[in-house]
Amino acid sequence: MTKNPFSSDDSERLAAACLLSAVGGFLDVYTYLFRGGVFANAVTGNIVLLGLQLSRGEWGRCGRYGLAIGFYALGIFAAGLFQWKFPFRKVSWRQTVILLELGCLLAVSLIPSGEWDFVVNSLIAFVCALQVQAFRKVRGLPFASTMCTGNLRSGTEALFRSWRDRDRSARLKAWHYYGVILCFIAGAAGGAVLLSRYGELAFLLAPAGLLGAFFLIVPRRTLAGWRRRLGGRGKQRRTSANGRTVSFDCRHEEEKR
């Protein structure tokens, strides 16, 4: 099995986690406002609704909820496949996952509202599964970028430990979790305002946010390579400039003689 040359810390940057959480909140409010009043991130809700429709004998609706659940499971499987099988050359496997998410969201933007909303919700469930599986930690702390229940539990538990034990590190952990939750809320609130004002055109902010996260998790090795290249070019320019200066000085000396 090929060893992953990328640092495990590359995907754990707080800025990337906050941006991904904002995108998660945005997608949730988008499916609620424009795609049938559902939360595509909440698989538990889909399972409950599937059971409800089964009890009523609404087989057509069962299929729609079952499709969303299946796509979520497929997203988890696909993320594992990317991590296991795909080579690590130009980009990390997590960046490859983001590119797949981008492709799915761009496809969603082309599907009109109405009859095919169940397909959109399934694709967004797939995207959320990819994201929650690929990005599982922020600065070493387990977190989820597409839901808040676990983050709220972990953050409040850390806050309790900081109060009980006067533990400063636990307080810092709590603020990490609450910061991610606030970003999720900001994504949902901002999404609601922008989607209500500009319609589905504002949906393009979601892939734009993912593109930002793509660059935020550029591996440190890649960043170091970029710095070396830029530094090398700067050195060459400086050497060239020094060469011209020496040539000028020499000519000046000859004129003085």
C-alpha atoms as a PDB file:
ATOM      1  CA  MET A   1       0.000   0.000   0.000  1.00  0.00           C
ATOM      2  CA  THR A   2       1.336   3.445  -0.985  1.00  0.00           C
ATOM      3  CA  LYS A   3       2.381   5.554   1.955  1.00  0.00           C
ATOM      4  CA  ASN A   4       0.675   8.902   2.125  1.00  0.00           C
ATOM      5  CA  PRO A   5       3.403  11.576   1.958  1.00  0.00           C
ATOM      6  CA  PHE A   6       1.078  14.339   3.130  1.00  0.00           C
ATOM      7  CA  SER A   7       1.012  15.409   6.757  1.00  0.00           C
ATOM      8  CA  SER A   8      -2.143  14.486   8.661  1.00  0.00           C
ATOM      9  CA  ASP A   9      -2.185  18.069   9.961  1.00  0.00           C
ATOM     10  CA  ASP A  10      -2.834  19.579   6.543  1.00  0.00           C
ATOM     11  CA  SER A  11      -6.566  18.902   6.709  1.00  0.00           C
ATOM     12  CA  GLU A  12      -6.929  19.968  10.357  1.00  0.00           C
ATOM     13  CA  ARG A  13      -6.480  23.707   9.975  1.00  0.00           C
ATOM     14  CA  LEU A  14      -9.046  25.717  11.886  1.00  0.00           C
ATOM     15  CA  ALA A  15      -9.732  28.100   8.995  1.00  0.00           C
ATOM     16  CA  ALA A  16     -10.560  25.180   6.688  1.00  0.00           C
ATOM     17  CA  ALA A  17     -12.802  23.582   9.323  1.00  0.00           C
ATOM     18  CA  CYS A  18     -14.706  26.842   9.815  1.00  0.00           C
ATOM     19  CA  LEU A  19     -15.172  27.333   6.068  1.00  0.00           C
ATOM     20  CA  LEU A  20     -16.365  23.748   5.572  1.00  0.00           C
ATOM     21  CA  SER A  21     -18.806  24.169   8.465  1.00  0.00           C
ATOM     22  CA  ALA A  22     -20.189  27.354   6.905  1.00  0.00           C
ATOM     23  CA  VAL A  23     -20.710  25.441   3.650  1.00  0.00           C
ATOM     24  CA  GLY A  24     -22.475  22.689   5.619  1.00  0.00           C
ATOM     25  CA  GLY A  25     -24.890  25.185   7.144  1.00  0.00           C
ATOM     26  CA  PHE A  26     -25.451  26.808   3.763  1.00  0.00           C
ATOM     27  CA  LEU A  27     -26.338  23.476   2.114  1.00  0.00           C
ATOM     28  CA  ASP A  28     -28.763  22.613   4.906  1.00  0.00           C
ATOM     29  CA  VAL A  29     -30.682  25.858   4.568  1.00  0.00           C
ATOM     30  CA  TYR A  30     -30.606  25.563   0.755  1.00  0.00           C
ATOM     31  CA  THR A  31     -32.322  22.180   0.737  1.00  0.00           C
ATOM     32  CA  TYR A  32     -34.825  23.428   3.316  1.00  0.00           C
ATOM     33  CA  LEU A  33     -35.745  26.608   1.422  1.00  0.00           C
ATOM     34  CA  PHE A  34     -35.515  25.454  -2.186  1.00  0.00           C
ATOM     35  CA  ARG A  35     -35.561  21.665  -2.323  1.00  0.00           C
ATOM     36  CA  GLY A  36     -38.647  20.398  -0.562  1.00  0.00           C
ATOM     37  CA  GLY A  37     -38.239  21.593   3.039  1.00  0.00           C
ATOM     38  CA  VAL A  38     -35.780  18.867   4.056  1.00  0.00           C
ATOM     39  CA  PHE A  39     -32.357  18.847   5.700  1.00  0.00           C
ATOM     40  CA  ALA A  40     -30.156  16.796   3.390  1.00  0.00           C
ATOM     41  CA  ASN A  41     -27.339  16.691   5.964  1.00  0.00           C
ATOM     42  CA  ALA A  42     -29.520  14.934   8.543  1.00  0.00           C
ATOM     43  CA  VAL A  43     -29.515  11.252   7.626  1.00  0.00           C
ATOM     44  CA  THR A  44     -31.240  10.387  10.903  1.00  0.00           C
ATOM     45  CA  GLY A  45     -34.179  12.546   9.830  1.00  0.00           C
ATOM     46  CA  ASN A  46     -34.364  10.721   6.509  1.00  0.00           C
ATOM     47  CA  ILE A  47     -34.357   7.360   8.295  1.00  0.00           C
ATOM     48  CA  VAL A  48     -37.195   8.490  10.589  1.00  0.00           C
ATOM     49  CA  LEU A  49     -39.185   9.764   7.610  1.00  0.00           C
ATOM     50  CA  LEU A  50     -38.509   6.506   5.764  1.00  0.00           C
ATOM     51  CA  GLY A  51     -39.984   4.574   8.685  1.00  0.00           C
ATOM     52  CA  LEU A  52     -42.959   6.938   8.771  1.00  0.00           C
ATOM     53  CA  GLN A  53     -43.677   6.447   5.054  1.00  0.00           C
ATOM     54  CA  LEU A  54     -43.287   2.689   5.437  1.00  0.00           C
ATOM     55  CA  SER A  55     -45.940   2.726   8.149  1.00  0.00           C
ATOM     56  CA  ARG A  56     -48.283   4.603   5.794  1.00  0.00           C
ATOM     57  CA  GLY A  57     -47.558   2.443   2.781  1.00  0.00           C
ATOM     58  CA  GLU A  58     -46.254   5.425   0.767  1.00  0.00           C
ATOM     59  CA  TRP A  59     -43.862   3.359  -1.330  1.00  0.00           C
ATOM     60  CA  GLY A  60     -42.930   6.157  -3.746  1.00  0.00           C
ATOM     61  CA  ARG A  61     -41.825   8.440  -0.928  1.00  0.00           C
ATOM     62  CA  CYS A  62     -39.978   5.540   0.684  1.00  0.00           C
ATOM     63  CA  GLY A  63     -37.881   5.253  -2.446  1.00  0.00           C
ATOM     64  CA  ARG A  64     -36.907   8.909  -2.315  1.00  0.00           C
ATOM     65  CA  TYR A  65     -35.804   8.763   1.314  1.00  0.00           C
ATOM     66  CA  GLY A  66     -34.076   5.451   0.705  1.00  0.00           C
ATOM     67  CA  LEU A  67     -32.172   6.989  -2.222  1.00  0.00           C
ATOM     68  CA  ALA A  68     -30.862   9.834  -0.039  1.00  0.00           C
ATOM     69  CA  ILE A  69     -29.776   7.362   2.641  1.00  0.00           C
ATOM     70  CA  GLY A  70     -28.084   5.177   0.047  1.00  0.00           C
ATOM     71  CA  PHE A  71     -26.225   8.138  -1.457  1.00  0.00           C
ATOM     72  CA  TYR A  72     -24.980   9.128   1.993  1.00  0.00           C
ATOM     73  CA  ALA A  73     -23.610   5.626   2.514  1.00  0.00           C
ATOM     74  CA  LEU A  74     -22.086   5.761  -0.975  1.00  0.00           C
ATOM     75  CA  GLY A  75     -20.326   9.007  -0.061  1.00  0.00           C
ATOM     76  CA  ILE A  76     -18.697   7.370   2.979  1.00  0.00           C
ATOM     77  CA  PHE A  77     -17.590   4.457   0.777  1.00  0.00           C
ATOM     78  CA  ALA A  78     -16.238   6.784  -1.923  1.00  0.00           C
ATOM     79  CA  ALA A  79     -14.201   8.818   0.587  1.00  0.00           C
ATOM     80  CA  GLY A  80     -12.619   5.612   1.893  1.00  0.00           C
ATOM     81  CA  LEU A  81     -11.828   4.551  -1.665  1.00  0.00           C
ATOM     82  CA  PHE A  82     -10.103   7.846  -2.405  1.00  0.00           C
ATOM     83  CA  GLN A  83      -8.005   7.531   0.734  1.00  0.00           C
ATOM     84  CA  TRP A  84      -7.044   3.919   0.020  1.00  0.00           C
ATOM     85  CA  LYS A  85      -6.541   3.620  -3.707  1.00  0.00           C
ATOM     86  CA  PHE A  86      -5.825   6.936  -5.346  1.00  0.00           C
ATOM     87  CA  PRO A  87      -2.181   8.040  -5.794  1.00  0.00           C
ATOM     88  CA  PHE A  88      -0.827  11.049  -3.950  1.00  0.00           C
ATOM     89  CA  ARG A  89       0.986  13.214  -6.463  1.00  0.00           C
ATOM     90  CA  LYS A  90      -0.160  16.731  -7.272  1.00  0.00           C
ATOM     91  CA  VAL A  91      -2.912  16.974  -4.636  1.00  0.00           C
ATOM     92  CA  SER A  92      -3.859  15.124  -1.443  1.00  0.00           C
ATOM     93  CA  TRP A  93      -6.752  12.679  -1.364  1.00  0.00           C
ATOM     94  CA  ARG A  94      -8.800  15.150   0.671  1.00  0.00           C
ATOM     95  CA  GLN A  95      -8.322  17.784  -2.017  1.00  0.00           C
ATOM     96  CA  THR A  96      -9.493  15.184  -4.546  1.00  0.00           C
ATOM     97  CA  VAL A  97     -12.609  14.679  -2.424  1.00  0.00           C
ATOM     98  CA  ILE A  98     -13.249  18.438  -2.518  1.00  0.00           C
ATOM     99  CA  LEU A  99     -12.960  18.386  -6.317  1.00  0.00           C
ATOM    100  CA  LEU A 100     -15.584  15.622  -6.434  1.00  0.00           C
ATOM    101  CA  GLU A 101     -17.812  17.673  -4.132  1.00  0.00           C
ATOM    102  CA  LEU A 102     -17.397  20.653  -6.450  1.00  0.00           C
ATOM    103  CA  GLY A 103     -18.462  18.578  -9.439  1.00  0.00           C
ATOM    104  CA  CYS A 104     -21.592  17.348  -7.626  1.00  0.00           C
ATOM    105  CA  LEU A 105     -22.608  20.849  -6.505  1.00  0.00           C
ATOM    106  CA  LEU A 106     -22.116  22.278  -9.988  1.00  0.00           C
ATOM    107  CA  ALA A 107     -24.386  19.496 -11.283  1.00  0.00           C
ATOM    108  CA  VAL A 108     -26.943  20.430  -8.597  1.00  0.00           C
ATOM    109  CA  SER A 109     -26.916  24.035  -9.802  1.00  0.00           C
ATOM    110  CA  LEU A 110     -28.111  22.838 -13.228  1.00  0.00           C
ATOM    111  CA  ILE A 111     -31.115  20.867 -11.931  1.00  0.00           C
ATOM    112  CA  PRO A 112     -34.314  22.963 -11.797  1.00  0.00           C
ATOM    113  CA  SER A 113     -36.395  23.041  -8.625  1.00  0.00           C
ATOM    114  CA  GLY A 114     -39.478  20.891  -8.402  1.00  0.00           C
ATOM    115  CA  GLU A 115     -39.833  17.381  -9.724  1.00  0.00           C
ATOM    116  CA  TRP A 116     -36.160  16.424  -9.384  1.00  0.00           C
ATOM    117  CA  ASP A 117     -35.570  17.763  -5.897  1.00  0.00           C
ATOM    118  CA  PHE A 118     -35.142  14.243  -4.548  1.00  0.00           C
ATOM    119  CA  VAL A 119     -32.140  13.786  -6.877  1.00  0.00           C
ATOM    120  CA  VAL A 120     -30.644  17.071  -5.644  1.00  0.00           C
ATOM    121  CA  ASN A 121     -31.117  16.059  -2.016  1.00  0.00           C
ATOM    122  CA  SER A 122     -29.452  12.720  -2.724  1.00  0.00           C
ATOM    123  CA  LEU A 123     -26.468  14.414  -4.377  1.00  0.00           C
ATOM    124  CA  ILE A 124     -26.111  16.851  -1.487  1.00  0.00           C
ATOM    125  CA  ALA A 125     -26.320  13.937   0.965  1.00  0.00           C
ATOM    126  CA  PHE A 126     -23.481  12.337  -1.016  1.00  0.00           C
ATOM    127  CA  VAL A 127     -21.453  15.566  -0.799  1.00  0.00           C
ATOM    128  CA  CYS A 128     -22.036  15.866   2.948  1.00  0.00           C
ATOM    129  CA  ALA A 129     -20.977  12.251   3.482  1.00  0.00           C
ATOM    130  CA  LEU A 130     -17.768  12.821   1.523  1.00  0.00           C
ATOM    131  CA  GLN A 131     -17.025  15.907   3.584  1.00  0.00           C
ATOM    132  CA  VAL A 132     -17.815  14.495   7.002  1.00  0.00           C
ATOM    133  CA  GLN A 133     -15.712  11.394   6.301  1.00  0.00           C
ATOM    134  CA  ALA A 134     -12.708  13.191   4.816  1.00  0.00           C
ATOM    135  CA  PHE A 135     -12.536  16.016   7.358  1.00  0.00           C
ATOM    136  CA  ARG A 136     -12.903  14.485  10.799  1.00  0.00           C
ATOM    137  CA  LYS A 137     -10.521  16.545  12.917  1.00  0.00           C
ATOM    138  CA  VAL A 138      -9.691  20.165  13.608  1.00  0.00           C
ATOM    139  CA  ARG A 139      -6.321  20.603  15.306  1.00  0.00           C
ATOM    140  CA  GLY A 140      -6.452  17.025  16.513  1.00  0.00           C
ATOM    141  CA  LEU A 141     -10.003  17.292  17.872  1.00  0.00           C
ATOM    142  CA  PRO A 142     -12.779  15.134  16.364  1.00  0.00           C
ATOM    143  CA  PHE A 143     -15.487  17.242  14.728  1.00  0.00           C
ATOM    144  CA  ALA A 144     -18.143  17.177  12.009  1.00  0.00           C
ATOM    145  CA  SER A 145     -18.526  19.955   9.437  1.00  0.00           C
ATOM    146  CA  THR A 146     -22.057  19.115   8.255  1.00  0.00           C
ATOM    147  CA  MET A 147     -23.877  18.710  11.579  1.00  0.00           C
ATOM    148  CA  CYS A 148     -23.644  20.213  15.064  1.00  0.00           C
ATOM    149  CA  THR A 149     -24.923  17.638  17.579  1.00  0.00           C
ATOM    150  CA  GLY A 150     -21.554  15.994  18.208  1.00  0.00           C
ATOM    151  CA  ASN A 151     -19.727  19.328  18.160  1.00  0.00           C
ATOM    152  CA  LEU A 152     -22.111  20.775  20.748  1.00  0.00           C
ATOM    153  CA  ARG A 153     -21.721  17.735  22.989  1.00  0.00           C
ATOM    154  CA  SER A 154     -17.908  17.763  22.752  1.00  0.00           C
ATOM    155  CA  GLY A 155     -17.681  21.527  23.205  1.00  0.00           C
ATOM    156  CA  THR A 156     -19.944  21.579  26.248  1.00  0.00           C
ATOM    157  CA  GLU A 157     -18.134  18.612  27.795  1.00  0.00           C
ATOM    158  CA  ALA A 158     -14.815  20.443  27.366  1.00  0.00           C
ATOM    159  CA  LEU A 159     -16.358  23.601  28.841  1.00  0.00           C
ATOM    160  CA  PHE A 160     -17.525  21.633  31.886  1.00  0.00           C
ATOM    161  CA  ARG A 161     -14.035  20.157  32.388  1.00  0.00           C
ATOM    162  CA  SER A 162     -12.484  23.602  32.114  1.00  0.00           C
ATOM    163  CA  TRP A 163     -14.863  24.901  34.807  1.00  0.00           C
ATOM    164  CA  ARG A 164     -14.485  21.882  37.083  1.00  0.00           C
ATOM    165  CA  ASP A 165     -10.714  21.421  36.797  1.00  0.00           C
ATOM    166  CA  ARG A 166      -9.698  24.998  35.897  1.00  0.00           C
ATOM    167  CA  ASP A 167      -8.192  23.404  32.786  1.00  0.00           C
ATOM    168  CA  ARG A 168      -7.122  26.035  30.282  1.00  0.00           C
ATOM    169  CA  SER A 169      -6.562  23.512  27.471  1.00  0.00           C
ATOM    170  CA  ALA A 170     -10.113  22.198  27.898  1.00  0.00           C
ATOM    171  CA  ARG A 171     -11.424  25.759  27.628  1.00  0.00           C
ATOM    172  CA  LEU A 172      -9.481  26.190  24.384  1.00  0.00           C
ATOM    173  CA  LYS A 173     -11.006  22.967  23.038  1.00  0.00           C
ATOM    174  CA  ALA A 174     -14.461  24.233  23.920  1.00  0.00           C
ATOM    175  CA  TRP A 175     -13.915  27.460  21.992  1.00  0.00           C
ATOM    176  CA  HIS A 176     -12.714  25.466  18.986  1.00  0.00           C
ATOM    177  CA  TYR A 177     -15.988  23.538  18.946  1.00  0.00           C
ATOM    178  CA  TYR A 178     -18.163  26.568  19.574  1.00  0.00           C
ATOM    179  CA  GLY A 179     -16.309  28.471  16.864  1.00  0.00           C
ATOM    180  CA  VAL A 180     -17.094  25.733  14.347  1.00  0.00           C
ATOM    181  CA  ILE A 181     -20.754  25.768  15.441  1.00  0.00           C
ATOM    182  CA  LEU A 182     -20.915  29.553  15.030  1.00  0.00           C
ATOM    183  CA  CYS A 183     -19.535  29.189  11.505  1.00  0.00           C
ATOM    184  CA  PHE A 184     -22.225  26.607  10.740  1.00  0.00           C
ATOM    185  CA  ILE A 185     -24.881  29.031  12.008  1.00  0.00           C
ATOM    186  CA  ALA A 186     -23.316  31.875  10.016  1.00  0.00           C
ATOM    187  CA  GLY A 187     -23.422  29.737   6.878  1.00  0.00           C
ATOM    188  CA  ALA A 188     -27.081  28.916   7.469  1.00  0.00           C
ATOM    189  CA  ALA A 189     -28.085  32.494   8.343  1.00  0.00           C
ATOM    190  CA  GLY A 190     -26.093  34.066   5.531  1.00  0.00           C
ATOM    191  CA  GLY A 191     -27.367  31.452   3.126  1.00  0.00           C
ATOM    192  CA  ALA A 192     -30.976  32.139   4.087  1.00  0.00           C
ATOM    193  CA  VAL A 193     -30.543  35.878   3.473  1.00  0.00           C
ATOM    194  CA  LEU A 194     -28.647  35.522   0.202  1.00  0.00           C
ATOM    195  CA  LEU A 195     -30.820  32.731  -1.189  1.00  0.00           C
ATOM    196  CA  SER A 196     -33.994  34.652  -0.361  1.00  0.00           C
ATOM    197  CA  ARG A 197     -32.636  37.797  -2.008  1.00  0.00           C
ATOM    198  CA  TYR A 198     -30.795  36.406  -5.036  1.00  0.00           C
ATOM    199  CA  GLY A 199     -32.452  33.034  -5.518  1.00  0.00           C
ATOM    200  CA  GLU A 200     -30.589  29.978  -6.743  1.00  0.00           C
ATOM    201  CA  LEU A 201     -27.791  32.115  -8.157  1.00  0.00           C
ATOM    202  CA  ALA A 202     -26.509  32.445  -4.579  1.00  0.00           C
ATOM    203  CA  PHE A 203     -26.078  28.658  -4.476  1.00  0.00           C
ATOM    204  CA  LEU A 204     -22.779  29.107  -6.325  1.00  0.00           C
ATOM    205  CA  LEU A 205     -21.352  30.391  -3.032  1.00  0.00           C
ATOM    206  CA  ALA A 206     -21.243  26.773  -1.814  1.00  0.00           C
ATOM    207  CA  PRO A 207     -18.794  25.534  -4.482  1.00  0.00           C
ATOM    208  CA  ALA A 208     -16.856  28.794  -4.053  1.00  0.00           C
ATOM    209  CA  GLY A 209     -16.471  27.997  -0.346  1.00  0.00           C
ATOM    210  CA  LEU A 210     -15.249  24.489  -1.151  1.00  0.00           C
ATOM    211  CA  LEU A 211     -12.717  25.940  -3.573  1.00  0.00           C
ATOM    212  CA  GLY A 212     -11.444  28.163  -0.769  1.00  0.00           C
ATOM    213  CA  ALA A 213     -11.098  25.121   1.499  1.00  0.00           C
ATOM    214  CA  PHE A 214      -9.202  23.324  -1.279  1.00  0.00           C
ATOM    215  CA  PHE A 215      -6.464  25.960  -1.168  1.00  0.00           C
ATOM    216  CA  LEU A 216      -6.512  26.250   2.621  1.00  0.00           C
ATOM    217  CA  ILE A 217      -5.474  22.596   2.983  1.00  0.00           C
ATOM    218  CA  VAL A 218      -2.620  22.728   0.485  1.00  0.00           C
ATOM    219  CA  PRO A 219      -0.050  20.316   1.991  1.00  0.00           C
ATOM    220  CA  ARG A 220       2.909  21.859   3.751  1.00  0.00           C
ATOM    221  CA  ARG A 221       5.277  19.989   1.458  1.00  0.00           C
ATOM    222  CA  THR A 222       3.644  21.634  -1.554  1.00  0.00           C
ATOM    223  CA  LEU A 223       3.814  25.069   0.103  1.00  0.00           C
ATOM    224  CA  ALA A 224       7.487  24.503   0.865  1.00  0.00           C
ATOM    225  CA  GLY A 225       8.072  23.595  -2.787  1.00  0.00           C
ATOM    226  CA  TRP A 226       6.357  26.769  -3.932  1.00  0.00           C
ATOM    227  CA  ARG A 227       8.491  28.819  -1.545  1.00  0.00           C
ATOM    228  CA  ARG A 228      11.676  27.151  -2.792  1.00  0.00           C
ATOM    229  CA  ARG A 229      10.767  27.877  -6.400  1.00  0.00           C
ATOM    230  CA  LEU A 230       9.913  31.496  -5.664  1.00  0.00           C
ATOM    231  CA  GLY A 231      13.039  31.873  -3.545  1.00  0.00           C
ATOM    232  CA  GLY A 232      15.211  30.327  -6.248  1.00  0.00           C
ATOM    233  CA  ARG A 233      13.856  32.685  -8.880  1.00  0.00           C
ATOM    234  CA  GLY A 234      14.430  35.655  -6.583  1.00  0.00           C
ATOM    235  CA  LYS A 235      18.010  34.519  -6.006  1.00  0.00           C
ATOM    236  CA  GLN A 236      18.595  34.242  -9.742  1.00  0.00           C
ATOM    237  CA  ARG A 237      17.273  37.735 -10.267  1.00  0.00           C
ATOM    238  CA  ARG A 238      19.478  39.073  -7.528  1.00  0.00           C
ATOM    239  CA  THR A 239      22.509  37.323  -8.963  1.00  0.00           C
ATOM    240  CA  SER A 240      21.755  38.731 -12.393  1.00  0.00           C
ATOM    241  CA  ALA A 241      21.396  42.211 -10.938  1.00  0.00           C
ATOM    242  CA  ASN A 242      24.684  41.860  -9.093  1.00  0.00           C
ATOM    243  CA  GLY A 243      26.347  40.728 -12.288  1.00  0.00           C
ATOM    244  CA  ARG A 244      25.226  43.823 -14.116  1.00  0.00           C
ATOM    245  CA  THR A 245      26.424  46.004 -11.259  1.00  0.00           C
ATOM    246  CA  VAL A 246      29.867  44.418 -11.323  1.00  0.00           C
ATOM    247  CA  SER A 247      30.064  44.923 -15.083  1.00  0.00           C
ATOM    248  CA  PHE A 248      29.154  48.579 -14.680  1.00  0.00           C
ATOM    249  CA  ASP A 249      31.705  49.039 -11.915  1.00  0.00           C
ATOM    250  CA  CYS A 250      34.405  47.516 -14.035  1.00  0.00           C
ATOM    251  CA  ARG A 251      33.658  49.803 -16.955  1.00  0.00           C
ATOM    252  CA  HIS A 252      33.626  52.742 -14.576  1.00  0.00           C
ATOM    253  CA  GLU A 253      37.059  51.755 -13.282  1.00  0.00           C
ATOM    254  CA  GLU A 254      38.399  51.495 -16.827  1.00  0.00           C
ATOM    255  CA  GLU A 255      37.104  54.977 -17.639  1.00  0.00           C
ATOM    256  CA  LYS A 256      38.818  56.355 -14.539  1.00  0.00           C
ATOM    257  CA  ARG A 257      42.112  54.881 -15.706  1.00  0.00           C
END
